Amino acid sequence: MFNNLIETRRSIRQFKPKPVETDKIRKIVEAALRSPSSMGRNPWEFIVVTEPELLDKLSRSKEHGSSFLKNSPFAIVVCADPQKCDVWVEDASIASIFIHLAAHGLGLGSCWIQVRERMHDAQSTAEEYIQQILNIPANLKVESIIAIGYPNEQKAGHPTDQLQYSKVHLNSHDKEYPMPSA
């Protein structure tokens, strides 16, 4: 089941104008809350955004790569408190991936929008812009926004023979990992 999820999941940026059922949203939130974190510190926090007006504002959080969010039925903003854990970036990223996989497992599409280290415009960061819109306290850092909805585009999974096995090594960096046979 897990292998099927990772073999078929793709980033989806086009969504049907159909709301996502509350029980599916709850299952995705539960998956995020079950994501592992360093020493069980759970530095992450999540903001589920369903209001179209807010989604439209969030779609303008970056100069590039967030505009499709305005047509998403909902999104989850993934934040974390760096005071709780020195690897908050990793913990928030793991939670983001759990959100992706849970959404895909429920027949939904999703796409990661990178927020940390990205600019809103020449004067402010995407994080500052999002913090203001969603009243996020200053102690929380925004890692990503995950747009989620029913896919309005079809993408095949990446074929095994196109995976970058050249970046995998066996026991030492100078030894190739054997490619799988067809």
N, C-alpha and C. Protein backbone atom coordinates (compact mmCIF):
# COMPACT_ATOMS: atom_id res chain seq x y z
N MET A 1 0.82 -1.19 0.00
CA MET A 1 0.00 0.00 0.00
C MET A 1 0.87 1.26 0.00
N PHE A 2 1.89 1.31 0.85
CA PHE A 2 2.77 2.47 0.89
C PHE A 2 3.50 2.64 -0.44
N ASN A 3 4.01 1.54 -0.97
CA ASN A 3 4.72 1.63 -2.25
C ASN A 3 3.82 2.19 -3.34
N ASN A 4 2.56 1.81 -3.36
CA ASN A 4 1.64 2.35 -4.35
C ASN A 4 1.49 3.86 -4.18
N LEU A 5 1.43 4.32 -2.95
CA LEU A 5 1.31 5.77 -2.70
C LEU A 5 2.51 6.52 -3.26
N ILE A 6 3.71 6.04 -2.95
CA ILE A 6 4.90 6.78 -3.39
C ILE A 6 5.17 6.61 -4.88
N GLU A 7 4.70 5.51 -5.46
CA GLU A 7 4.89 5.30 -6.90
C GLU A 7 3.92 6.13 -7.74
N THR A 8 2.78 6.50 -7.18
CA THR A 8 1.76 7.20 -7.97
C THR A 8 1.55 8.66 -7.58
N ARG A 9 2.06 9.10 -6.44
CA ARG A 9 1.85 10.49 -6.00
C ARG A 9 2.64 11.46 -6.87
N ARG A 10 1.99 12.53 -7.25
CA ARG A 10 2.62 13.63 -8.00
C ARG A 10 2.08 14.94 -7.46
N SER A 11 2.81 15.99 -7.68
CA SER A 11 2.33 17.32 -7.28
C SER A 11 1.20 17.74 -8.21
N ILE A 12 0.09 18.12 -7.61
CA ILE A 12 -1.11 18.54 -8.35
C ILE A 12 -1.35 20.02 -8.07
N ARG A 13 -1.49 20.79 -9.15
CA ARG A 13 -1.70 22.23 -9.02
C ARG A 13 -3.04 22.69 -9.58
N GLN A 14 -3.80 21.75 -10.13
CA GLN A 14 -5.13 22.09 -10.66
C GLN A 14 -6.16 21.24 -9.92
N PHE A 15 -7.14 21.92 -9.35
CA PHE A 15 -8.14 21.25 -8.53
C PHE A 15 -9.55 21.48 -9.06
N LYS A 16 -10.40 20.48 -8.86
CA LYS A 16 -11.81 20.61 -9.21
C LYS A 16 -12.47 21.56 -8.21
N PRO A 17 -13.46 22.32 -8.64
CA PRO A 17 -14.17 23.22 -7.70
C PRO A 17 -15.14 22.43 -6.83
N LYS A 18 -14.61 21.51 -6.08
CA LYS A 18 -15.42 20.62 -5.25
C LYS A 18 -14.83 20.64 -3.84
N PRO A 19 -15.65 20.93 -2.84
CA PRO A 19 -15.11 20.94 -1.47
C PRO A 19 -14.67 19.54 -1.03
N VAL A 20 -13.69 19.52 -0.17
CA VAL A 20 -13.22 18.27 0.41
C VAL A 20 -14.02 18.01 1.68
N GLU A 21 -14.49 16.78 1.82
CA GLU A 21 -15.33 16.41 2.95
C GLU A 21 -14.58 16.57 4.27
N THR A 22 -15.32 16.96 5.30
CA THR A 22 -14.75 17.19 6.62
C THR A 22 -14.04 15.97 7.15
N ASP A 23 -14.58 14.77 6.94
CA ASP A 23 -13.91 13.57 7.46
C ASP A 23 -12.57 13.34 6.80
N LYS A 24 -12.42 13.70 5.53
CA LYS A 24 -11.13 13.57 4.85
C LYS A 24 -10.14 14.60 5.40
N ILE A 25 -10.61 15.81 5.64
CA ILE A 25 -9.73 16.83 6.22
C ILE A 25 -9.25 16.36 7.59
N ARG A 26 -10.15 15.80 8.38
CA ARG A 26 -9.76 15.31 9.72
C ARG A 26 -8.73 14.19 9.64
N LYS A 27 -8.88 13.30 8.66
CA LYS A 27 -7.91 12.21 8.49
C LYS A 27 -6.53 12.75 8.11
N ILE A 28 -6.51 13.78 7.30
CA ILE A 28 -5.24 14.38 6.91
C ILE A 28 -4.59 15.07 8.11
N VAL A 29 -5.39 15.78 8.88
CA VAL A 29 -4.88 16.42 10.10
C VAL A 29 -4.35 15.36 11.06
N GLU A 30 -5.07 14.27 11.21
CA GLU A 30 -4.60 13.20 12.09
C GLU A 30 -3.26 12.64 11.61
N ALA A 31 -3.11 12.48 10.31
CA ALA A 31 -1.83 12.00 9.76
C ALA A 31 -0.71 12.97 10.12
N ALA A 32 -0.96 14.27 10.00
CA ALA A 32 0.05 15.27 10.35
C ALA A 32 0.43 15.15 11.82
N LEU A 33 -0.56 14.97 12.67
CA LEU A 33 -0.30 14.87 14.11
C LEU A 33 0.41 13.57 14.49
N ARG A 34 0.36 12.56 13.63
CA ARG A 34 1.06 11.29 13.86
C ARG A 34 2.47 11.29 13.28
N SER A 35 2.86 12.35 12.61
CA SER A 35 4.19 12.36 12.00
C SER A 35 5.27 12.35 13.08
N PRO A 36 6.36 11.65 12.81
CA PRO A 36 7.43 11.58 13.81
C PRO A 36 8.15 12.92 13.94
N SER A 37 8.70 13.13 15.12
CA SER A 37 9.51 14.33 15.35
C SER A 37 10.67 13.96 16.28
N SER A 38 11.71 14.74 16.19
CA SER A 38 12.90 14.48 16.99
C SER A 38 12.56 14.48 18.48
N MET A 39 12.91 13.41 19.14
CA MET A 39 12.71 13.25 20.58
C MET A 39 11.26 13.46 20.99
N GLY A 40 10.32 13.28 20.06
CA GLY A 40 8.91 13.43 20.36
C GLY A 40 8.51 14.82 20.80
N ARG A 41 9.26 15.82 20.38
CA ARG A 41 8.97 17.20 20.83
C ARG A 41 7.82 17.85 20.09
N ASN A 42 7.47 17.34 18.93
CA ASN A 42 6.33 17.84 18.17
C ASN A 42 6.28 19.37 18.12
N PRO A 43 7.29 19.99 17.50
CA PRO A 43 7.32 21.46 17.47
C PRO A 43 6.33 22.07 16.49
N TRP A 44 5.70 21.22 15.67
CA TRP A 44 4.84 21.72 14.61
C TRP A 44 3.47 22.14 15.11
N GLU A 45 2.88 23.04 14.34
CA GLU A 45 1.48 23.43 14.50
C GLU A 45 0.92 23.58 13.09
N PHE A 46 -0.38 23.42 12.94
CA PHE A 46 -1.00 23.41 11.63
C PHE A 46 -2.20 24.35 11.60
N ILE A 47 -2.34 25.06 10.50
CA ILE A 47 -3.50 25.91 10.31
C ILE A 47 -4.23 25.40 9.07
N VAL A 48 -5.44 24.90 9.27
CA VAL A 48 -6.28 24.43 8.17
C VAL A 48 -7.03 25.64 7.64
N VAL A 49 -6.86 25.91 6.35
CA VAL A 49 -7.48 27.09 5.74
C VAL A 49 -8.50 26.62 4.71
N THR A 50 -9.76 26.99 4.93
CA THR A 50 -10.84 26.59 4.02
C THR A 50 -11.57 27.78 3.41
N GLU A 51 -11.36 28.98 3.94
CA GLU A 51 -12.06 30.16 3.45
C GLU A 51 -11.45 30.63 2.13
N PRO A 52 -12.27 30.71 1.07
CA PRO A 52 -11.75 31.12 -0.25
C PRO A 52 -11.00 32.46 -0.23
N GLU A 53 -11.48 33.41 0.57
CA GLU A 53 -10.82 34.71 0.63
C GLU A 53 -9.39 34.58 1.17
N LEU A 54 -9.23 33.75 2.20
CA LEU A 54 -7.89 33.54 2.76
C LEU A 54 -7.00 32.76 1.79
N LEU A 55 -7.58 31.77 1.11
CA LEU A 55 -6.80 31.01 0.12
C LEU A 55 -6.33 31.93 -0.99
N ASP A 56 -7.18 32.88 -1.40
CA ASP A 56 -6.79 33.84 -2.43
C ASP A 56 -5.63 34.70 -1.94
N LYS A 57 -5.71 35.18 -0.71
CA LYS A 57 -4.61 35.99 -0.15
C LYS A 57 -3.33 35.16 -0.06
N LEU A 58 -3.45 33.93 0.39
CA LEU A 58 -2.27 33.06 0.51
C LEU A 58 -1.67 32.76 -0.87
N SER A 59 -2.50 32.76 -1.90
CA SER A 59 -1.99 32.48 -3.25
C SER A 59 -1.05 33.58 -3.73
N ARG A 60 -1.04 34.70 -3.02
CA ARG A 60 -0.15 35.82 -3.35
C ARG A 60 1.02 35.93 -2.37
N SER A 61 1.28 34.85 -1.64
CA SER A 61 2.32 34.89 -0.62
C SER A 61 3.73 34.95 -1.19
N LYS A 62 3.90 34.47 -2.42
CA LYS A 62 5.21 34.49 -3.07
C LYS A 62 5.07 35.05 -4.48
N GLU A 63 6.17 35.53 -5.01
CA GLU A 63 6.14 36.06 -6.38
C GLU A 63 5.89 34.94 -7.38
N HIS A 64 6.39 33.75 -7.10
CA HIS A 64 6.23 32.60 -8.00
C HIS A 64 5.90 31.35 -7.18
N GLY A 65 5.07 30.50 -7.74
CA GLY A 65 4.86 29.18 -7.15
C GLY A 65 3.76 29.05 -6.12
N SER A 66 2.90 30.05 -5.99
CA SER A 66 1.80 29.91 -5.03
C SER A 66 0.44 30.30 -5.62
N SER A 67 0.40 30.80 -6.83
CA SER A 67 -0.84 31.33 -7.40
C SER A 67 -1.95 30.28 -7.53
N PHE A 68 -1.59 29.03 -7.76
CA PHE A 68 -2.60 27.97 -7.91
C PHE A 68 -3.39 27.73 -6.63
N LEU A 69 -2.89 28.21 -5.52
CA LEU A 69 -3.55 28.01 -4.23
C LEU A 69 -4.95 28.63 -4.20
N LYS A 70 -5.17 29.69 -4.99
CA LYS A 70 -6.48 30.36 -4.98
C LYS A 70 -7.58 29.44 -5.48
N ASN A 71 -7.25 28.41 -6.24
CA ASN A 71 -8.26 27.46 -6.75
C ASN A 71 -8.27 26.15 -5.97
N SER A 72 -7.61 26.13 -4.85
CA SER A 72 -7.57 24.94 -4.01
C SER A 72 -8.73 24.98 -3.01
N PRO A 73 -9.43 23.85 -2.80
CA PRO A 73 -10.51 23.84 -1.83
C PRO A 73 -10.05 24.09 -0.38
N PHE A 74 -8.83 23.63 -0.08
CA PHE A 74 -8.29 23.94 1.24
C PHE A 74 -6.78 23.77 1.23
N ALA A 75 -6.18 24.26 2.30
CA ALA A 75 -4.73 24.16 2.44
C ALA A 75 -4.39 23.99 3.91
N ILE A 76 -3.21 23.47 4.14
CA ILE A 76 -2.70 23.38 5.51
C ILE A 76 -1.38 24.13 5.55
N VAL A 77 -1.30 25.11 6.45
CA VAL A 77 -0.07 25.86 6.67
C VAL A 77 0.67 25.13 7.78
N VAL A 78 1.91 24.75 7.48
CA VAL A 78 2.72 23.99 8.42
C VAL A 78 3.73 24.94 9.07
N CYS A 79 3.61 25.07 10.39
CA CYS A 79 4.46 25.95 11.18
C CYS A 79 5.20 25.12 12.22
N ALA A 80 6.19 25.74 12.85
CA ALA A 80 6.88 25.06 13.96
C ALA A 80 7.51 26.10 14.87
N ASP A 81 7.73 25.67 16.11
CA ASP A 81 8.35 26.53 17.11
C ASP A 81 9.82 26.11 17.27
N PRO A 82 10.76 26.93 16.78
CA PRO A 82 12.18 26.57 16.87
C PRO A 82 12.71 26.46 18.30
N GLN A 83 11.99 27.05 19.26
CA GLN A 83 12.42 26.93 20.66
C GLN A 83 12.16 25.54 21.23
N LYS A 84 11.26 24.80 20.60
CA LYS A 84 10.94 23.45 21.08
C LYS A 84 11.89 22.40 20.55
N CYS A 85 12.54 22.69 19.42
CA CYS A 85 13.36 21.66 18.79
C CYS A 85 14.32 22.30 17.80
N ASP A 86 15.59 21.90 17.87
CA ASP A 86 16.58 22.47 16.96
C ASP A 86 16.45 21.94 15.53
N VAL A 87 15.70 20.87 15.34
CA VAL A 87 15.49 20.34 13.98
C VAL A 87 14.02 20.53 13.57
N TRP A 88 13.49 21.69 13.89
CA TRP A 88 12.10 22.00 13.56
C TRP A 88 11.85 21.97 12.06
N VAL A 89 12.84 22.35 11.25
CA VAL A 89 12.67 22.34 9.80
C VAL A 89 12.41 20.91 9.33
N GLU A 90 13.21 19.97 9.82
CA GLU A 90 13.04 18.58 9.45
C GLU A 90 11.70 18.04 9.94
N ASP A 91 11.35 18.35 11.18
CA ASP A 91 10.08 17.87 11.73
C ASP A 91 8.88 18.42 10.95
N ALA A 92 8.93 19.70 10.60
CA ALA A 92 7.83 20.30 9.82
C ALA A 92 7.80 19.71 8.41
N SER A 93 8.95 19.40 7.86
CA SER A 93 9.01 18.79 6.52
C SER A 93 8.43 17.37 6.54
N ILE A 94 8.76 16.62 7.56
CA ILE A 94 8.21 15.27 7.68
C ILE A 94 6.69 15.34 7.79
N ALA A 95 6.18 16.27 8.60
CA ALA A 95 4.73 16.43 8.75
C ALA A 95 4.11 16.81 7.40
N SER A 96 4.79 17.66 6.65
CA SER A 96 4.28 18.05 5.33
C SER A 96 4.16 16.84 4.41
N ILE A 97 5.14 15.97 4.45
CA ILE A 97 5.10 14.76 3.61
C ILE A 97 3.98 13.83 4.07
N PHE A 98 3.78 13.70 5.37
CA PHE A 98 2.66 12.90 5.86
C PHE A 98 1.33 13.45 5.32
N ILE A 99 1.21 14.78 5.27
CA ILE A 99 0.00 15.41 4.74
C ILE A 99 -0.17 15.03 3.27
N HIS A 100 0.91 15.12 2.49
CA HIS A 100 0.85 14.73 1.07
C HIS A 100 0.38 13.30 0.90
N LEU A 101 1.01 12.39 1.62
CA LEU A 101 0.69 10.97 1.45
C LEU A 101 -0.73 10.66 1.92
N ALA A 102 -1.15 11.28 3.00
CA ALA A 102 -2.52 11.05 3.48
C ALA A 102 -3.53 11.56 2.45
N ALA A 103 -3.27 12.73 1.90
CA ALA A 103 -4.17 13.29 0.89
C ALA A 103 -4.25 12.35 -0.32
N HIS A 104 -3.11 11.90 -0.81
CA HIS A 104 -3.08 11.01 -1.97
C HIS A 104 -3.82 9.70 -1.67
N GLY A 105 -3.61 9.18 -0.47
CA GLY A 105 -4.29 7.95 -0.07
C GLY A 105 -5.80 8.08 -0.02
N LEU A 106 -6.29 9.31 0.11
CA LEU A 106 -7.73 9.58 0.15
C LEU A 106 -8.28 10.00 -1.21
N GLY A 107 -7.46 9.88 -2.24
CA GLY A 107 -7.90 10.23 -3.58
C GLY A 107 -7.82 11.71 -3.90
N LEU A 108 -7.05 12.45 -3.12
CA LEU A 108 -6.90 13.88 -3.31
C LEU A 108 -5.53 14.20 -3.90
N GLY A 109 -5.42 15.37 -4.47
CA GLY A 109 -4.13 15.84 -4.96
C GLY A 109 -3.60 16.90 -4.01
N SER A 110 -2.30 17.13 -4.06
CA SER A 110 -1.69 18.13 -3.20
C SER A 110 -0.42 18.66 -3.83
N CYS A 111 0.00 19.82 -3.35
CA CYS A 111 1.25 20.40 -3.81
C CYS A 111 1.86 21.23 -2.69
N TRP A 112 3.14 21.03 -2.48
CA TRP A 112 3.93 21.76 -1.49
C TRP A 112 4.24 23.15 -2.02
N ILE A 113 4.03 24.16 -1.18
CA ILE A 113 4.46 25.52 -1.49
C ILE A 113 5.51 25.89 -0.44
N GLN A 114 6.74 26.03 -0.88
CA GLN A 114 7.83 26.37 0.03
C GLN A 114 7.65 27.80 0.51
N VAL A 115 7.74 28.01 1.83
CA VAL A 115 7.58 29.34 2.40
C VAL A 115 8.89 29.81 3.03
N ARG A 116 9.50 28.96 3.84
CA ARG A 116 10.73 29.34 4.54
C ARG A 116 11.80 29.76 3.53
N GLU A 117 12.43 30.88 3.81
CA GLU A 117 13.51 31.41 2.96
C GLU A 117 13.02 31.92 1.60
N ARG A 118 11.72 32.23 1.47
CA ARG A 118 11.18 32.76 0.22
C ARG A 118 10.64 34.17 0.48
N MET A 119 10.65 34.97 -0.58
CA MET A 119 10.21 36.36 -0.47
C MET A 119 8.78 36.52 -0.97
N HIS A 120 8.05 37.41 -0.32
CA HIS A 120 6.73 37.82 -0.79
C HIS A 120 6.90 38.89 -1.87
N ASP A 121 7.71 39.87 -1.55
CA ASP A 121 8.06 40.94 -2.49
C ASP A 121 9.44 41.46 -2.09
N ALA A 122 9.86 42.58 -2.66
CA ALA A 122 11.20 43.09 -2.38
C ALA A 122 11.39 43.53 -0.93
N GLN A 123 10.30 43.82 -0.23
CA GLN A 123 10.41 44.32 1.14
C GLN A 123 10.13 43.30 2.23
N SER A 124 9.36 42.25 1.94
CA SER A 124 8.97 41.34 3.02
C SER A 124 9.05 39.88 2.58
N THR A 125 9.19 39.02 3.57
CA THR A 125 9.26 37.59 3.29
C THR A 125 7.87 37.00 3.15
N ALA A 126 7.80 35.86 2.53
CA ALA A 126 6.53 35.14 2.43
C ALA A 126 6.02 34.80 3.83
N GLU A 127 6.95 34.43 4.70
CA GLU A 127 6.57 34.09 6.07
C GLU A 127 5.91 35.27 6.78
N GLU A 128 6.48 36.46 6.68
CA GLU A 128 5.89 37.65 7.31
C GLU A 128 4.50 37.93 6.77
N TYR A 129 4.35 37.80 5.47
CA TYR A 129 3.05 38.02 4.83
C TYR A 129 2.01 37.04 5.37
N ILE A 130 2.37 35.77 5.44
CA ILE A 130 1.45 34.72 5.91
C ILE A 130 1.15 34.89 7.40
N GLN A 131 2.18 35.21 8.18
CA GLN A 131 1.96 35.43 9.62
C GLN A 131 0.93 36.52 9.85
N GLN A 132 1.00 37.58 9.07
CA GLN A 132 0.06 38.69 9.22
C GLN A 132 -1.35 38.26 8.83
N ILE A 133 -1.51 37.57 7.72
CA ILE A 133 -2.84 37.17 7.25
C ILE A 133 -3.52 36.22 8.22
N LEU A 134 -2.74 35.27 8.78
CA LEU A 134 -3.33 34.21 9.62
C LEU A 134 -3.11 34.42 11.12
N ASN A 135 -2.62 35.59 11.50
CA ASN A 135 -2.40 35.90 12.93
C ASN A 135 -1.50 34.88 13.60
N ILE A 136 -0.43 34.51 12.92
CA ILE A 136 0.51 33.52 13.46
C ILE A 136 1.47 34.23 14.40
N PRO A 137 1.62 33.72 15.63
CA PRO A 137 2.52 34.37 16.58
C PRO A 137 3.97 34.38 16.08
N ALA A 138 4.72 35.38 16.52
CA ALA A 138 6.10 35.58 16.06
C ALA A 138 7.02 34.42 16.41
N ASN A 139 6.69 33.65 17.45
CA ASN A 139 7.57 32.54 17.84
C ASN A 139 7.48 31.35 16.89
N LEU A 140 6.47 31.33 16.03
CA LEU A 140 6.32 30.22 15.08
C LEU A 140 6.90 30.59 13.73
N LYS A 141 7.59 29.63 13.13
CA LYS A 141 8.14 29.77 11.79
C LYS A 141 7.23 29.02 10.83
N VAL A 142 7.05 29.55 9.63
CA VAL A 142 6.23 28.90 8.61
C VAL A 142 7.15 28.15 7.66
N GLU A 143 6.97 26.85 7.58
CA GLU A 143 7.77 26.01 6.68
C GLU A 143 7.15 25.93 5.28
N SER A 144 5.85 25.61 5.24
CA SER A 144 5.22 25.34 3.94
C SER A 144 3.72 25.54 4.02
N ILE A 145 3.14 25.58 2.83
CA ILE A 145 1.69 25.50 2.70
C ILE A 145 1.45 24.31 1.78
N ILE A 146 0.52 23.44 2.15
CA ILE A 146 0.16 22.31 1.32
C ILE A 146 -1.24 22.58 0.77
N ALA A 147 -1.33 22.77 -0.55
CA ALA A 147 -2.63 22.94 -1.22
C ALA A 147 -3.22 21.55 -1.45
N ILE A 148 -4.52 21.40 -1.18
CA ILE A 148 -5.15 20.08 -1.27
C ILE A 148 -6.53 20.19 -1.89
N GLY A 149 -6.87 19.22 -2.73
CA GLY A 149 -8.19 19.16 -3.32
C GLY A 149 -8.32 17.99 -4.26
N TYR A 150 -9.49 17.88 -4.87
CA TYR A 150 -9.69 16.83 -5.86
C TYR A 150 -8.95 17.23 -7.14
N PRO A 151 -8.09 16.35 -7.64
CA PRO A 151 -7.28 16.72 -8.81
C PRO A 151 -8.11 16.98 -10.05
N ASN A 152 -7.70 18.01 -10.77
CA ASN A 152 -8.31 18.32 -12.06
C ASN A 152 -7.25 18.17 -13.16
N GLU A 153 -6.28 17.34 -12.90
CA GLU A 153 -5.25 16.97 -13.86
C GLU A 153 -4.76 15.57 -13.49
N GLN A 154 -4.33 14.85 -14.49
CA GLN A 154 -3.84 13.49 -14.28
C GLN A 154 -2.35 13.44 -14.62
N LYS A 155 -1.58 12.91 -13.71
CA LYS A 155 -0.15 12.76 -13.95
C LYS A 155 0.23 11.33 -13.56
N ALA A 156 0.93 10.68 -14.44
CA ALA A 156 1.41 9.33 -14.13
C ALA A 156 2.59 9.44 -13.16
N GLY A 157 2.75 8.40 -12.37
CA GLY A 157 3.91 8.35 -11.48
C GLY A 157 5.20 8.32 -12.29
N HIS A 158 6.29 8.67 -11.67
CA HIS A 158 7.58 8.63 -12.35
C HIS A 158 7.98 7.17 -12.59
N PRO A 159 8.31 6.82 -13.84
CA PRO A 159 8.71 5.44 -14.13
C PRO A 159 10.00 5.05 -13.39
N THR A 160 10.07 3.83 -12.95
CA THR A 160 11.23 3.34 -12.20
C THR A 160 12.52 3.56 -12.97
N ASP A 161 12.50 3.33 -14.28
CA ASP A 161 13.73 3.46 -15.06
C ASP A 161 14.18 4.91 -15.23
N GLN A 162 13.36 5.87 -14.78
CA GLN A 162 13.75 7.27 -14.86
C GLN A 162 14.17 7.83 -13.50
N LEU A 163 14.16 6.98 -12.47
CA LEU A 163 14.62 7.43 -11.16
C LEU A 163 16.13 7.60 -11.20
N GLN A 164 16.64 8.48 -10.39
CA GLN A 164 18.07 8.84 -10.42
C GLN A 164 18.92 7.90 -9.57
N TYR A 165 19.00 6.66 -9.99
CA TYR A 165 19.80 5.67 -9.27
C TYR A 165 21.28 6.04 -9.25
N SER A 166 21.73 6.91 -10.14
CA SER A 166 23.13 7.34 -10.14
C SER A 166 23.47 8.12 -8.87
N LYS A 167 22.46 8.57 -8.15
CA LYS A 167 22.69 9.30 -6.91
C LYS A 167 22.65 8.41 -5.68
N VAL A 168 22.59 7.09 -5.91
CA VAL A 168 22.57 6.13 -4.81
C VAL A 168 23.85 5.32 -4.87
N HIS A 169 24.48 5.13 -3.73
CA HIS A 169 25.77 4.44 -3.66
C HIS A 169 25.66 3.28 -2.69
N LEU A 170 26.55 2.32 -2.84
CA LEU A 170 26.52 1.13 -2.00
C LEU A 170 27.78 1.06 -1.15
N ASN A 171 27.62 1.22 0.12
CA ASN A 171 28.68 1.10 1.12
C ASN A 171 29.75 2.19 1.07
N SER A 172 29.90 2.86 -0.04
CA SER A 172 30.89 3.91 -0.20
C SER A 172 30.45 4.78 -1.36
N HIS A 173 30.79 6.05 -1.30
CA HIS A 173 30.33 6.96 -2.35
C HIS A 173 30.89 6.61 -3.72
N ASP A 174 32.03 5.92 -3.75
CA ASP A 174 32.62 5.59 -5.05
C ASP A 174 32.12 4.27 -5.62
N LYS A 175 31.12 3.66 -5.00
CA LYS A 175 30.57 2.40 -5.51
C LYS A 175 29.12 2.61 -5.93
N GLU A 176 28.81 2.20 -7.14
CA GLU A 176 27.46 2.34 -7.66
C GLU A 176 26.50 1.39 -6.95
N TYR A 177 25.30 1.88 -6.76
CA TYR A 177 24.21 1.02 -6.29
C TYR A 177 23.64 0.34 -7.53
N PRO A 178 23.39 -0.96 -7.47
CA PRO A 178 22.89 -1.64 -8.68
C PRO A 178 21.48 -1.20 -9.05
N MET A 179 21.30 -0.90 -10.31
CA MET A 179 19.98 -0.53 -10.83
C MET A 179 19.10 -1.77 -10.80
N PRO A 180 17.80 -1.60 -10.52
CA PRO A 180 16.91 -2.75 -10.56
C PRO A 180 16.73 -3.26 -11.98
N SER A 181 16.56 -4.57 -12.13
CA SER A 181 16.31 -5.11 -13.47
C SER A 181 14.84 -4.95 -13.81
N ALA A 182 14.60 -4.85 -15.09
CA ALA A 182 13.23 -4.60 -15.58
C ALA A 182 12.32 -5.76 -15.37
